Amino acid sequence: MTATKNTVPAIWGANYVPTRRMNTYQVWWRFDADQLDQQIGLAPRINLNSLRMWLSPERWWEAPDEVQDQLDTLLAIADRHGIRILLCLFKNCGADPNVKQDVDVLDESPVTGCEVHSPSRAILKDPAQWGPCFEYVDWFMNRYKDDERLLAIEVMNEPGLYKQEETTFALAMLDRAMKQKGALKLTMGCVGLDHNQLYVDHGIEIMQSHPNFMKSEEQFDRFNEERTALQQKTGLPYIASEWQRIRAGGLGWGGVFPAGDEWKPAHHTMAPLFHRHNINGYFWSLMLRPSYLKIHDDARWLNGVFHEDGSVYAERDAQAIANDSSLTFEERPEWPEWAAENGPRLQRFLQKRDQAKTTPVG
């Protein structure tokens, strides 16, 4: 059968953190059903059928009944818009308040607020403190393991990447969920393709990886070959659960800020590659926002598609994601109003960096 211009992969979505929320805890602490209804309603406009979101164990420990009611509300809203949620329970990335005491989970500033590790690394490293984590998994599995409004259950985001203790925690939570498994498939938000092999023997049913930035289409082709080989080896479906753009000048991690204008969204550089190879994926992010990991102290890059009013940063990106060049959008290529202070801050940072490059040494 010949594909049409509107064809998208079977699972085609976005990572979604509501605007004005700087971490997962704040999503549930400042839960806003009207905001969710308006923003989730934007997803079908670009042919999305799913969103990837996160729960907060810390917020559930504080107010379990309230969080349960909020989650039920979220799922009802998403269902009305024809959107299924890939929901993640734990997050192995972000700043750690137990290490950096200046990190405040309640900080809503678009300049200083950031994602926070969940649970804290102090808990993650100490099995004696895992009791509340098991209770959280038990609650979720007991109530939602068969909920068809969910696409799947992601036990942990970016587990087991750097230290054995992270893998040990992730496996313990996966095994706990697996003992109570229902109709929904279980998965792990692995960073690299090879990391999935740590969890396949423990029963994950969907593989993931995070090819956020590729340096070229040729690198994407190599990634696709590796992805195909791994799927053939395991027989499992795959989702690229975080992708953003081609970034030829480098990834932007490790303290090196993206070169040139590669701090801007450019989903059109990667979306056609996913369509061409029919690869399931979630881009980062549905809503336009500053990068929410605290990688660079002096500046943040910009990512996402939609402003709060439904206009888009780049029509070309929205069309590419939807795989439909006939769609029209109001285009506004600027920082979102609520995070606009990042714009001049970024320009000062770039000017200082460029001056340093051109200033003779000695």
Protein backbone atom coordinates (compact mmCIF):
# COMPACT_ATOMS: atom_id res chain seq x y z
CA MET A 1 0.00 0.00 0.00
CA THR A 2 1.32 3.45 -0.90
CA ALA A 3 1.82 5.81 2.04
CA THR A 4 -0.02 9.12 1.95
CA LYS A 5 1.40 12.46 2.99
CA ASN A 6 -0.50 12.21 6.30
CA THR A 7 0.95 8.84 7.28
CA VAL A 8 2.80 8.86 10.60
CA PRO A 9 4.27 5.98 12.63
CA ALA A 10 1.87 3.91 14.73
CA ILE A 11 3.10 5.59 17.92
CA TRP A 12 3.75 9.24 17.14
CA GLY A 13 3.87 11.79 19.90
CA ALA A 14 5.64 14.39 21.98
CA ASN A 15 7.17 14.71 25.40
CA TYR A 16 4.90 17.00 27.35
CA VAL A 17 5.60 19.18 30.37
CA PRO A 18 2.94 21.90 30.73
CA THR A 19 4.16 25.45 30.23
CA ARG A 20 5.27 27.38 33.32
CA ARG A 21 6.23 24.11 35.03
CA MET A 22 9.96 23.61 35.45
CA ASN A 23 9.94 20.04 36.71
CA THR A 24 7.70 17.02 37.12
CA TYR A 25 6.88 17.72 40.76
CA GLN A 26 5.43 21.11 39.78
CA VAL A 27 3.10 19.49 37.21
CA TRP A 28 1.19 17.83 40.05
CA TRP A 29 1.80 20.52 42.68
CA ARG A 30 0.34 23.16 40.32
CA PHE A 31 -2.09 20.85 38.54
CA ASP A 32 -4.28 22.81 36.11
CA ALA A 33 -6.97 20.81 34.29
CA ASP A 34 -7.94 23.70 32.00
CA GLN A 35 -4.34 24.18 30.92
CA LEU A 36 -3.97 20.46 30.23
CA ASP A 37 -7.17 20.40 28.20
CA GLN A 38 -6.04 23.31 26.03
CA GLN A 39 -2.50 22.08 25.48
CA ILE A 40 -3.23 18.38 24.99
CA GLY A 41 -5.82 19.53 22.46
CA LEU A 42 -2.97 20.93 20.35
CA ALA A 43 -1.44 17.48 19.79
CA PRO A 44 -3.92 16.20 17.17
CA ARG A 45 -3.31 19.35 15.10
CA ILE A 46 0.07 17.88 14.12
CA ASN A 47 -1.15 14.27 13.82
CA LEU A 48 0.03 13.09 17.22
CA ASN A 49 -1.70 10.19 18.93
CA SER A 50 0.27 9.99 22.17
CA LEU A 51 2.11 12.07 24.77
CA ARG A 52 4.89 11.01 27.13
CA MET A 53 4.59 12.36 30.68
CA TRP A 54 5.90 11.68 34.18
CA LEU A 55 4.40 11.12 37.61
CA SER A 56 6.07 12.40 40.77
CA PRO A 57 6.57 9.91 43.62
CA GLU A 58 7.48 12.80 45.93
CA ARG A 59 4.16 14.52 45.28
CA TRP A 60 2.28 11.21 45.66
CA TRP A 61 3.94 10.60 49.03
CA GLU A 62 2.63 13.99 50.15
CA ALA A 63 -0.91 13.75 48.76
CA PRO A 64 -1.74 10.29 47.34
CA ASP A 65 -5.50 10.79 47.03
CA GLU A 66 -5.09 14.17 45.36
CA VAL A 67 -2.55 12.85 42.86
CA GLN A 68 -4.79 9.91 42.04
CA ASP A 69 -7.71 12.24 41.33
CA GLN A 70 -5.42 14.44 39.22
CA LEU A 71 -4.14 11.48 37.21
CA ASP A 72 -7.70 10.30 36.57
CA THR A 73 -8.53 13.81 35.35
CA LEU A 74 -5.47 13.90 33.09
CA LEU A 75 -6.31 10.54 31.52
CA ALA A 76 -9.92 11.58 30.95
CA ILE A 77 -8.78 14.79 29.22
CA ALA A 78 -6.28 12.95 27.02
CA ASP A 79 -8.87 10.33 26.10
CA ARG A 80 -11.31 13.01 24.95
CA HIS A 81 -8.64 14.29 22.56
CA GLY A 82 -7.79 10.82 21.26
CA ILE A 83 -4.39 10.86 22.98
CA ARG A 84 -2.91 7.93 24.89
CA ILE A 85 -0.31 8.62 27.58
CA LEU A 86 3.04 6.88 27.96
CA LEU A 87 3.48 7.46 31.69
CA CYS A 88 6.80 7.22 33.51
CA LEU A 89 7.06 6.54 37.26
CA PHE A 90 10.66 7.53 38.15
CA LYS A 91 13.19 9.91 36.58
CA ASN A 92 16.94 9.29 36.69
CA CYS A 93 17.98 12.72 35.43
CA GLY A 94 17.90 16.29 36.65
CA ALA A 95 19.53 18.14 39.53
CA ASP A 96 19.63 16.46 42.93
CA PRO A 97 18.60 18.62 45.92
CA ASN A 98 20.59 16.33 48.18
CA VAL A 99 23.77 17.15 46.28
CA LYS A 100 23.21 20.75 45.16
CA GLN A 101 21.54 22.47 48.06
CA ASP A 102 20.76 25.51 45.90
CA VAL A 103 18.29 23.48 43.80
CA ASP A 104 14.71 24.15 44.83
CA VAL A 105 12.01 21.84 43.45
CA LEU A 106 9.48 24.66 43.89
CA ASP A 107 11.49 27.16 41.81
CA GLU A 108 9.21 28.15 38.92
CA SER A 109 11.65 30.61 37.33
CA PRO A 110 12.31 29.87 33.62
CA VAL A 111 15.92 30.96 34.25
CA THR A 112 16.81 29.05 37.43
CA GLY A 113 14.10 26.38 37.78
CA CYS A 114 14.99 22.90 36.53
CA GLU A 115 14.11 19.23 36.54
CA VAL A 116 14.93 17.37 39.74
CA HIS A 117 16.05 13.76 40.10
CA SER A 118 13.19 11.53 41.30
CA PRO A 119 13.77 9.84 43.66
CA SER A 120 16.78 11.62 45.08
CA ARG A 121 20.08 9.83 44.63
CA ALA A 122 20.29 9.36 48.40
CA ILE A 123 17.19 7.17 48.20
CA LEU A 124 18.23 5.52 44.95
CA LYS A 125 21.56 4.37 46.43
CA ASP A 126 20.09 2.98 49.67
CA PRO A 127 17.84 -0.12 49.41
CA ALA A 128 16.81 0.44 53.02
CA GLN A 129 14.90 3.52 51.82
CA TRP A 130 13.08 1.82 48.94
CA GLY A 131 9.94 0.95 50.90
CA PRO A 132 7.96 4.06 49.89
CA CYS A 133 9.07 3.54 46.26
CA PHE A 134 7.66 0.01 46.29
CA GLU A 135 4.41 1.32 47.81
CA TYR A 136 4.18 3.89 45.02
CA VAL A 137 4.66 1.19 42.35
CA ASP A 138 2.09 -1.04 44.09
CA TRP A 139 -0.49 1.76 44.13
CA PHE A 140 0.02 2.55 40.48
CA MET A 141 -0.02 -1.03 39.24
CA ASN A 142 -3.06 -1.93 41.34
CA ARG A 143 -5.11 0.93 39.86
CA TYR A 144 -3.74 1.52 36.33
CA LYS A 145 -2.12 -1.68 35.02
CA ASP A 146 -5.09 -2.35 32.71
CA ASP A 147 -6.09 1.23 31.91
CA GLU A 148 -6.52 1.49 28.14
CA ARG A 149 -6.07 5.26 28.24
CA LEU A 150 -2.39 4.57 28.87
CA LEU A 151 -0.18 3.43 26.01
CA ALA A 152 2.33 1.69 28.28
CA ILE A 153 4.03 2.03 31.66
CA GLU A 154 7.59 3.34 31.71
CA VAL A 155 9.17 2.33 35.00
CA MET A 156 12.11 4.76 34.89
CA ASN A 157 13.50 7.42 32.61
CA GLU A 158 17.20 7.01 31.68
CA PRO A 159 18.01 4.21 34.12
CA GLY A 160 21.31 2.46 34.62
CA LEU A 161 23.41 4.79 32.53
CA TYR A 162 26.36 5.75 34.72
CA LYS A 163 26.41 3.71 37.92
CA GLN A 164 25.51 0.18 38.96
CA GLU A 165 23.33 1.51 41.79
CA GLU A 166 21.06 3.16 39.23
CA THR A 167 20.62 -0.12 37.36
CA THR A 168 19.97 -1.96 40.64
CA PHE A 169 17.19 0.46 41.62
CA ALA A 170 15.61 0.37 38.16
CA LEU A 171 15.63 -3.43 38.08
CA ALA A 172 14.09 -3.62 41.56
CA MET A 173 11.24 -1.31 40.54
CA LEU A 174 10.76 -3.16 37.23
CA ASP A 175 10.62 -6.53 39.00
CA ARG A 176 8.09 -5.14 41.48
CA ALA A 177 5.89 -3.88 38.66
CA MET A 178 6.30 -7.09 36.68
CA LYS A 179 4.93 -9.18 39.56
CA GLN A 180 1.69 -7.20 39.28
CA LYS A 181 1.62 -6.86 35.51
CA GLY A 182 -1.67 -6.36 33.75
CA ALA A 183 -2.59 -5.74 30.12
CA LEU A 184 -0.27 -2.76 29.67
CA LYS A 185 3.26 -3.33 28.43
CA LEU A 186 6.20 -2.32 30.64
CA THR A 187 9.19 -0.41 29.32
CA MET A 188 12.30 1.51 30.35
CA GLY A 189 13.33 4.95 29.05
CA CYS A 190 16.83 3.86 28.02
CA VAL A 191 19.24 6.47 26.67
CA GLY A 192 21.20 4.21 24.31
CA LEU A 193 19.97 1.27 22.26
CA ASP A 194 22.41 -1.10 23.98
CA HIS A 195 21.06 -0.18 27.43
CA ASN A 196 17.85 -2.06 26.65
CA GLN A 197 19.71 -5.33 26.97
CA LEU A 198 20.06 -4.70 30.71
CA TYR A 199 16.28 -4.98 31.03
CA VAL A 200 15.11 -7.37 28.31
CA ASP A 201 15.76 -10.43 30.48
CA HIS A 202 13.65 -8.83 33.21
CA GLY A 203 10.63 -8.64 30.96
CA ILE A 204 10.40 -5.23 29.28
CA GLU A 205 8.09 -5.47 26.29
CA ILE A 206 8.97 -2.22 24.50
CA MET A 207 12.50 -0.95 23.91
CA GLN A 208 13.38 2.73 23.94
CA SER A 209 16.31 5.03 23.31
CA HIS A 210 16.90 8.80 23.20
CA PRO A 211 18.49 9.90 19.91
CA ASN A 212 17.89 13.52 20.88
CA PHE A 213 20.51 15.01 18.60
CA MET A 214 22.17 13.57 15.52
CA LYS A 215 25.13 15.23 13.80
CA SER A 216 23.95 14.20 10.34
CA GLU A 217 21.48 12.13 8.36
CA GLU A 218 24.27 9.60 7.90
CA GLN A 219 24.50 9.16 11.66
CA PHE A 220 20.73 8.68 11.76
CA ASP A 221 21.04 5.96 9.12
CA ARG A 222 23.62 4.16 11.27
CA PHE A 223 21.32 4.48 14.27
CA ASN A 224 18.47 3.01 12.21
CA GLU A 225 20.61 0.03 11.20
CA GLU A 226 21.47 -0.64 14.85
CA ARG A 227 17.82 -0.22 15.85
CA THR A 228 16.70 -2.70 13.18
CA ALA A 229 19.32 -5.25 14.23
CA LEU A 230 18.32 -4.99 17.90
CA GLN A 231 14.65 -5.43 17.07
CA GLN A 232 15.44 -8.48 14.98
CA LYS A 233 17.48 -9.90 17.86
CA THR A 234 14.86 -9.30 20.57
CA GLY A 235 11.60 -9.38 18.62
CA LEU A 236 10.41 -6.36 20.60
CA PRO A 237 8.82 -3.11 19.39
CA TYR A 238 10.82 0.11 19.68
CA ILE A 239 10.15 3.79 20.44
CA ALA A 240 12.59 6.69 20.06
CA SER A 241 11.10 8.36 23.11
CA GLU A 242 13.17 11.58 22.93
CA TRP A 243 14.31 13.23 19.70
CA GLN A 244 14.90 16.87 18.79
CA ARG A 245 16.98 17.91 15.77
CA ILE A 246 20.11 17.49 13.67
CA ARG A 247 22.87 19.33 15.52
CA ALA A 248 25.96 19.19 13.33
CA GLY A 249 28.08 21.23 15.73
CA GLY A 250 27.78 18.75 18.59
CA LEU A 251 25.30 17.51 21.14
CA GLY A 252 25.42 20.47 23.52
CA TRP A 253 26.08 18.33 26.59
CA GLY A 254 29.24 18.50 28.69
CA GLY A 255 29.26 22.25 29.11
CA VAL A 256 29.71 23.06 25.40
CA PHE A 257 26.78 25.20 24.28
CA PRO A 258 25.39 24.47 20.78
CA ALA A 259 27.14 26.20 17.92
CA GLY A 260 25.60 28.91 15.74
CA ASP A 261 21.81 28.88 15.78
CA GLU A 262 21.63 25.21 16.79
CA TRP A 263 20.11 26.30 20.11
CA LYS A 264 16.83 26.81 18.20
CA PRO A 265 14.17 24.18 17.47
CA ALA A 266 14.55 22.47 14.09
CA HIS A 267 12.36 19.38 14.20
CA HIS A 268 12.09 19.45 10.42
CA THR A 269 15.69 18.18 10.24
CA MET A 270 14.77 14.85 11.85
CA ALA A 271 11.02 14.28 11.51
CA PRO A 272 11.21 13.16 7.84
CA LEU A 273 13.78 10.52 8.81
CA PHE A 274 11.37 8.97 11.30
CA HIS A 275 8.60 9.02 8.71
CA ARG A 276 10.86 7.53 6.03
CA HIS A 277 11.81 4.57 8.21
CA ASN A 278 8.45 4.34 10.01
CA ILE A 279 10.05 4.61 13.46
CA ASN A 280 7.82 5.23 16.49
CA GLY A 281 8.84 8.35 18.38
CA TYR A 282 8.21 11.24 20.77
CA PHE A 283 9.86 14.58 20.02
CA TRP A 284 10.89 17.12 22.67
CA SER A 285 8.64 18.94 23.30
CA LEU A 286 4.98 19.67 22.55
CA MET A 287 5.14 23.10 24.21
CA LEU A 288 7.81 25.68 23.50
CA ARG A 289 10.09 26.00 26.52
CA PRO A 290 13.68 26.56 27.65
CA SER A 291 15.73 23.41 28.13
CA TYR A 292 14.83 22.23 31.58
CA LEU A 293 17.96 20.32 32.49
CA LYS A 294 20.53 22.55 34.18
CA ILE A 295 23.38 21.84 31.76
CA HIS A 296 24.62 25.40 31.25
CA ASP A 297 24.47 27.81 34.18
CA ASP A 298 24.48 30.97 32.05
CA ALA A 299 22.14 30.06 29.19
CA ARG A 300 19.47 27.66 28.00
CA TRP A 301 18.55 26.57 24.53
CA LEU A 302 14.98 26.58 23.24
CA ASN A 303 12.93 23.58 22.19
CA GLY A 304 9.36 22.68 21.37
CA VAL A 305 6.63 23.55 18.90
CA PHE A 306 3.59 25.36 20.35
CA HIS A 307 3.24 28.67 22.14
CA GLU A 308 0.51 28.79 24.79
CA ASP A 309 -1.88 30.51 22.37
CA GLY A 310 -1.59 27.71 19.81
CA SER A 311 0.77 29.52 17.43
CA VAL A 312 4.00 27.71 16.56
CA TYR A 313 7.66 28.66 16.68
CA ALA A 314 8.21 27.32 13.15
CA GLU A 315 5.49 26.27 10.73
CA ARG A 316 8.04 24.13 8.92
CA ASP A 317 8.60 22.08 12.07
CA ALA A 318 4.88 21.56 12.69
CA GLN A 319 4.31 20.49 9.09
CA ALA A 320 7.26 18.10 9.16
CA ILE A 321 6.10 16.45 12.38
CA ALA A 322 2.57 16.09 10.99
CA ASN A 323 4.00 14.88 7.67
CA ASP A 324 1.59 17.25 5.97
CA SER A 325 2.86 20.35 4.18
CA SER A 326 -0.69 21.57 3.52
CA LEU A 327 -1.25 22.48 7.17
CA THR A 328 -1.09 26.15 8.09
CA PHE A 329 -0.21 27.73 11.42
CA GLU A 330 0.42 31.18 12.81
CA GLU A 331 4.19 31.33 13.12
CA ARG A 332 6.00 33.22 15.88
CA PRO A 333 9.75 32.45 15.98
CA GLU A 334 10.47 33.91 19.41
CA TRP A 335 10.82 32.81 23.00
CA PRO A 336 7.50 32.15 24.78
CA GLU A 337 6.32 35.19 26.73
CA TRP A 338 6.52 33.43 30.09
CA ALA A 339 10.20 32.57 29.48
CA ALA A 340 11.20 35.61 27.41
CA GLU A 341 13.95 36.69 29.82
CA ASN A 342 16.01 33.78 28.52
CA GLY A 343 16.33 35.54 25.15
CA PRO A 344 18.52 38.53 26.11
CA ARG A 345 20.32 36.36 28.66
CA LEU A 346 21.25 33.94 25.90
CA GLN A 347 22.39 36.74 23.57
CA ARG A 348 24.70 38.14 26.24
CA PHE A 349 26.14 34.68 26.79
CA LEU A 350 26.72 34.13 23.05
CA GLN A 351 28.32 37.56 22.59
CA LYS A 352 30.67 36.93 25.50
CA ARG A 353 31.56 33.52 24.13
CA ASP A 354 32.20 34.84 20.62
CA GLN A 355 34.35 37.70 21.95
CA ALA A 356 36.42 35.22 23.93
CA LYS A 357 37.02 33.19 20.75
CA THR A 358 38.30 36.22 18.84
CA THR A 359 40.40 37.82 21.61
CA PRO A 360 44.13 37.11 21.12
CA VAL A 361 45.84 35.26 23.94
CA GLY A 362 48.95 36.88 25.46
